Amino acid sequence: MWPFWRRDDNSPAGLGRKGERLAVKALKAQGMKILARNYRCQSAEIDIIALENPCERNHHCQTIVFVEVKTRRSARYTDPQSAVDRTKQRKIRHAAGHYLSTHCAQDFSTRFDIVAIVMPPNHQPRLEHIVEAFV
């Protein structure tokens, strides 16, 4: 490892990694299967791609869920999900289209969710799963 680069869990990158691990755990608890983490294409990234089994809304096919995870230490000034603006949504949709075309999954139903996590120091994290956060 480069001597000047620290990868501790107190850094912003470490906080994001902890949030993604927590989100994966929560999605699995809901019965989702994780297909990919940190999927990248060109200038876009999707934090988690999951497969949701058929549910009451859609009996006939499984749904591929593209999940953006936003983790903050505090929601004092703004909530984590507000960081997913139109520009970020456009990038996520672009990456989702790339994933679907390269994995022969165009026939799947799709959905875009956000998992917003607030992790205050020395307190339990608060997780909010926002289903169909944007289209």
C-alpha atoms as a PDB file:
ATOM      1  CA  MET A   1       0.000   0.000   0.000  1.00  0.00           C
ATOM      2  CA  TRP A   2       1.184   3.494  -0.782  1.00  0.00           C
ATOM      3  CA  PRO A   3       2.582   4.928   2.470  1.00  0.00           C
ATOM      4  CA  PHE A   4       0.637   8.203   2.294  1.00  0.00           C
ATOM      5  CA  TRP A   5      -2.785   6.694   1.641  1.00  0.00           C
ATOM      6  CA  ARG A   6      -4.767   5.475   4.616  1.00  0.00           C
ATOM      7  CA  ARG A   7      -7.790   3.252   4.270  1.00  0.00           C
ATOM      8  CA  ASP A   8      -9.324   3.538   7.685  1.00  0.00           C
ATOM      9  CA  ASP A   9     -13.023   3.309   8.399  1.00  0.00           C
ATOM     10  CA  ASN A  10     -13.073   6.868   9.735  1.00  0.00           C
ATOM     11  CA  SER A  11     -12.277   8.355   6.345  1.00  0.00           C
ATOM     12  CA  PRO A  12     -15.119   9.313   3.965  1.00  0.00           C
ATOM     13  CA  ALA A  13     -14.278   6.293   1.771  1.00  0.00           C
ATOM     14  CA  GLY A  14     -14.282   4.019   4.833  1.00  0.00           C
ATOM     15  CA  LEU A  15     -17.661   5.378   5.904  1.00  0.00           C
ATOM     16  CA  GLY A  16     -19.032   4.665   2.423  1.00  0.00           C
ATOM     17  CA  ARG A  17     -17.710   1.091   2.493  1.00  0.00           C
ATOM     18  CA  LYS A  18     -19.296   0.509   5.915  1.00  0.00           C
ATOM     19  CA  GLY A  19     -22.585   1.889   4.619  1.00  0.00           C
ATOM     20  CA  GLU A  20     -22.506  -0.374   1.563  1.00  0.00           C
ATOM     21  CA  ARG A  21     -21.851  -3.435   3.731  1.00  0.00           C
ATOM     22  CA  LEU A  22     -24.801  -2.479   5.937  1.00  0.00           C
ATOM     23  CA  ALA A  23     -27.009  -1.951   2.859  1.00  0.00           C
ATOM     24  CA  VAL A  24     -26.050  -5.349   1.410  1.00  0.00           C
ATOM     25  CA  LYS A  25     -26.935  -7.005   4.707  1.00  0.00           C
ATOM     26  CA  ALA A  26     -30.335  -5.246   4.777  1.00  0.00           C
ATOM     27  CA  LEU A  27     -31.119  -6.138   1.141  1.00  0.00           C
ATOM     28  CA  LYS A  28     -30.222  -9.779   1.727  1.00  0.00           C
ATOM     29  CA  ALA A  29     -32.479  -9.788   4.790  1.00  0.00           C
ATOM     30  CA  GLN A  30     -35.297  -8.715   2.461  1.00  0.00           C
ATOM     31  CA  GLY A  31     -34.606 -11.794   0.314  1.00  0.00           C
ATOM     32  CA  MET A  32     -32.675 -10.090  -2.462  1.00  0.00           C
ATOM     33  CA  LYS A  33     -29.737 -11.730  -4.196  1.00  0.00           C
ATOM     34  CA  ILE A  34     -26.728  -9.472  -4.738  1.00  0.00           C
ATOM     35  CA  LEU A  35     -25.608  -9.623  -8.379  1.00  0.00           C
ATOM     36  CA  ALA A  36     -22.863  -6.990  -8.311  1.00  0.00           C
ATOM     37  CA  ARG A  37     -21.242  -4.378  -6.117  1.00  0.00           C
ATOM     38  CA  ASN A  38     -19.575  -1.205  -7.343  1.00  0.00           C
ATOM     39  CA  TYR A  39     -20.452  -1.894 -10.988  1.00  0.00           C
ATOM     40  CA  ARG A  40     -18.627   0.584 -13.216  1.00  0.00           C
ATOM     41  CA  CYS A  41     -18.964   1.626 -16.815  1.00  0.00           C
ATOM     42  CA  GLN A  42     -17.273   4.669 -18.307  1.00  0.00           C
ATOM     43  CA  SER A  43     -17.941   7.528 -15.885  1.00  0.00           C
ATOM     44  CA  ALA A  44     -20.782   5.941 -13.916  1.00  0.00           C
ATOM     45  CA  GLU A  45     -21.028   3.526 -11.007  1.00  0.00           C
ATOM     46  CA  ILE A  46     -23.834   1.636  -9.340  1.00  0.00           C
ATOM     47  CA  ASP A  47     -23.214   0.719  -5.712  1.00  0.00           C
ATOM     48  CA  ILE A  48     -25.332  -2.446  -5.611  1.00  0.00           C
ATOM     49  CA  ILE A  49     -27.209  -4.446  -8.213  1.00  0.00           C
ATOM     50  CA  ALA A  50     -29.650  -6.912  -6.697  1.00  0.00           C
ATOM     51  CA  LEU A  51     -32.229  -9.398  -7.907  1.00  0.00           C
ATOM     52  CA  GLU A  52     -35.627  -9.312  -6.245  1.00  0.00           C
ATOM     53  CA  ASN A  53     -37.782 -12.398  -6.521  1.00  0.00           C
ATOM     54  CA  PRO A  54     -41.283 -12.093  -7.968  1.00  0.00           C
ATOM     55  CA  CYS A  55     -43.544 -10.196  -5.636  1.00  0.00           C
ATOM     56  CA  GLU A  56     -47.136  -9.128  -5.405  1.00  0.00           C
ATOM     57  CA  ARG A  57     -46.613  -6.182  -7.763  1.00  0.00           C
ATOM     58  CA  ASN A  58     -45.075  -8.247 -10.538  1.00  0.00           C
ATOM     59  CA  HIS A  59     -45.914 -11.956 -10.463  1.00  0.00           C
ATOM     60  CA  HIS A  60     -44.337 -12.932 -13.750  1.00  0.00           C
ATOM     61  CA  CYS A  61     -40.725 -11.847 -13.647  1.00  0.00           C
ATOM     62  CA  GLN A  62     -37.923 -11.007 -11.327  1.00  0.00           C
ATOM     63  CA  THR A  63     -36.816  -7.417 -10.852  1.00  0.00           C
ATOM     64  CA  ILE A  64     -33.266  -6.152 -11.138  1.00  0.00           C
ATOM     65  CA  VAL A  65     -32.832  -3.427  -8.545  1.00  0.00           C
ATOM     66  CA  PHE A  66     -30.155  -0.778  -9.011  1.00  0.00           C
ATOM     67  CA  VAL A  67     -29.316   0.624  -5.581  1.00  0.00           C
ATOM     68  CA  GLU A  68     -27.492   3.834  -4.757  1.00  0.00           C
ATOM     69  CA  VAL A  69     -26.178   3.922  -1.181  1.00  0.00           C
ATOM     70  CA  LYS A  70     -25.638   7.257   0.534  1.00  0.00           C
ATOM     71  CA  THR A  71     -24.037   7.278   3.964  1.00  0.00           C
ATOM     72  CA  ARG A  72     -23.548  10.290   6.195  1.00  0.00           C
ATOM     73  CA  ARG A  73     -22.409  10.774   9.771  1.00  0.00           C
ATOM     74  CA  SER A  74     -25.281  13.188  10.413  1.00  0.00           C
ATOM     75  CA  ALA A  75     -28.499  14.369   8.781  1.00  0.00           C
ATOM     76  CA  ARG A  76     -28.200  17.710  10.521  1.00  0.00           C
ATOM     77  CA  TYR A  77     -27.958  19.810   7.363  1.00  0.00           C
ATOM     78  CA  THR A  78     -29.469  17.498   4.759  1.00  0.00           C
ATOM     79  CA  ASP A  79     -30.606  13.907   4.430  1.00  0.00           C
ATOM     80  CA  PRO A  80     -28.308  11.457   2.591  1.00  0.00           C
ATOM     81  CA  GLN A  81     -30.754  10.731  -0.247  1.00  0.00           C
ATOM     82  CA  SER A  82     -30.821  14.384  -1.327  1.00  0.00           C
ATOM     83  CA  ALA A  83     -27.310  13.846  -2.711  1.00  0.00           C
ATOM     84  CA  VAL A  84     -28.839  11.728  -5.496  1.00  0.00           C
ATOM     85  CA  ASP A  85     -29.686  14.639  -7.777  1.00  0.00           C
ATOM     86  CA  ARG A  86     -30.767  14.551 -11.448  1.00  0.00           C
ATOM     87  CA  THR A  87     -27.180  14.356 -12.688  1.00  0.00           C
ATOM     88  CA  LYS A  88     -26.432  11.366 -10.439  1.00  0.00           C
ATOM     89  CA  GLN A  89     -29.710   9.709 -11.454  1.00  0.00           C
ATOM     90  CA  ARG A  90     -28.828  10.119 -15.146  1.00  0.00           C
ATOM     91  CA  LYS A  91     -25.431   8.486 -14.559  1.00  0.00           C
ATOM     92  CA  ILE A  92     -27.032   5.597 -12.670  1.00  0.00           C
ATOM     93  CA  ARG A  93     -29.600   5.068 -15.464  1.00  0.00           C
ATOM     94  CA  HIS A  94     -26.774   5.063 -18.025  1.00  0.00           C
ATOM     95  CA  ALA A  95     -24.803   2.464 -16.046  1.00  0.00           C
ATOM     96  CA  ALA A  96     -27.991   0.405 -15.569  1.00  0.00           C
ATOM     97  CA  GLY A  97     -28.592   0.379 -19.321  1.00  0.00           C
ATOM     98  CA  HIS A  98     -25.014  -0.759 -19.861  1.00  0.00           C
ATOM     99  CA  TYR A  99     -25.423  -3.539 -17.296  1.00  0.00           C
ATOM    100  CA  LEU A 100     -28.686  -4.736 -18.839  1.00  0.00           C
ATOM    101  CA  SER A 101     -27.281  -4.803 -22.381  1.00  0.00           C
ATOM    102  CA  THR A 102     -24.039  -6.564 -21.446  1.00  0.00           C
ATOM    103  CA  HIS A 103     -25.778  -9.175 -19.278  1.00  0.00           C
ATOM    104  CA  CYS A 104     -28.629 -10.003 -21.694  1.00  0.00           C
ATOM    105  CA  ALA A 105     -31.134  -8.827 -19.119  1.00  0.00           C
ATOM    106  CA  GLN A 106     -33.274  -6.409 -21.147  1.00  0.00           C
ATOM    107  CA  ASP A 107     -36.404  -8.492 -20.476  1.00  0.00           C
ATOM    108  CA  PHE A 108     -36.158  -8.065 -16.713  1.00  0.00           C
ATOM    109  CA  SER A 109     -38.242  -5.566 -14.828  1.00  0.00           C
ATOM    110  CA  THR A 110     -36.030  -2.848 -13.319  1.00  0.00           C
ATOM    111  CA  ARG A 111     -36.193  -0.464 -10.409  1.00  0.00           C
ATOM    112  CA  PHE A 112     -34.012   2.270  -8.911  1.00  0.00           C
ATOM    113  CA  ASP A 113     -33.769   2.402  -5.112  1.00  0.00           C
ATOM    114  CA  ILE A 114     -31.779   4.442  -2.628  1.00  0.00           C
ATOM    115  CA  VAL A 115     -30.520   3.206   0.715  1.00  0.00           C
ATOM    116  CA  ALA A 116     -29.904   6.242   2.927  1.00  0.00           C
ATOM    117  CA  ILE A 117     -27.829   5.624   6.042  1.00  0.00           C
ATOM    118  CA  VAL A 118     -26.983   7.955   8.904  1.00  0.00           C
ATOM    119  CA  MET A 119     -24.141   6.612  11.065  1.00  0.00           C
ATOM    120  CA  PRO A 120     -23.563   8.963  13.992  1.00  0.00           C
ATOM    121  CA  PRO A 121     -20.411   8.210  15.968  1.00  0.00           C
ATOM    122  CA  ASN A 122     -21.097   5.921  18.949  1.00  0.00           C
ATOM    123  CA  HIS A 123     -24.753   5.364  17.966  1.00  0.00           C
ATOM    124  CA  GLN A 124     -26.736   2.792  16.044  1.00  0.00           C
ATOM    125  CA  PRO A 125     -26.921   3.492  12.304  1.00  0.00           C
ATOM    126  CA  ARG A 126     -30.315   4.499  10.899  1.00  0.00           C
ATOM    127  CA  LEU A 127     -31.110   2.937   7.535  1.00  0.00           C
ATOM    128  CA  GLU A 128     -33.924   3.958   5.206  1.00  0.00           C
ATOM    129  CA  HIS A 129     -34.635   1.915   2.061  1.00  0.00           C
ATOM    130  CA  ILE A 130     -36.412   4.114  -0.479  1.00  0.00           C
ATOM    131  CA  VAL A 131     -38.078   1.856  -3.046  1.00  0.00           C
ATOM    132  CA  GLU A 132     -38.603   3.306  -6.532  1.00  0.00           C
ATOM    133  CA  ALA A 133     -36.715   6.446  -5.550  1.00  0.00           C
ATOM    134  CA  PHE A 134     -36.572   7.605  -9.166  1.00  0.00           C
ATOM    135  CA  VAL A 135     -37.379   6.354 -12.672  1.00  0.00           C
END
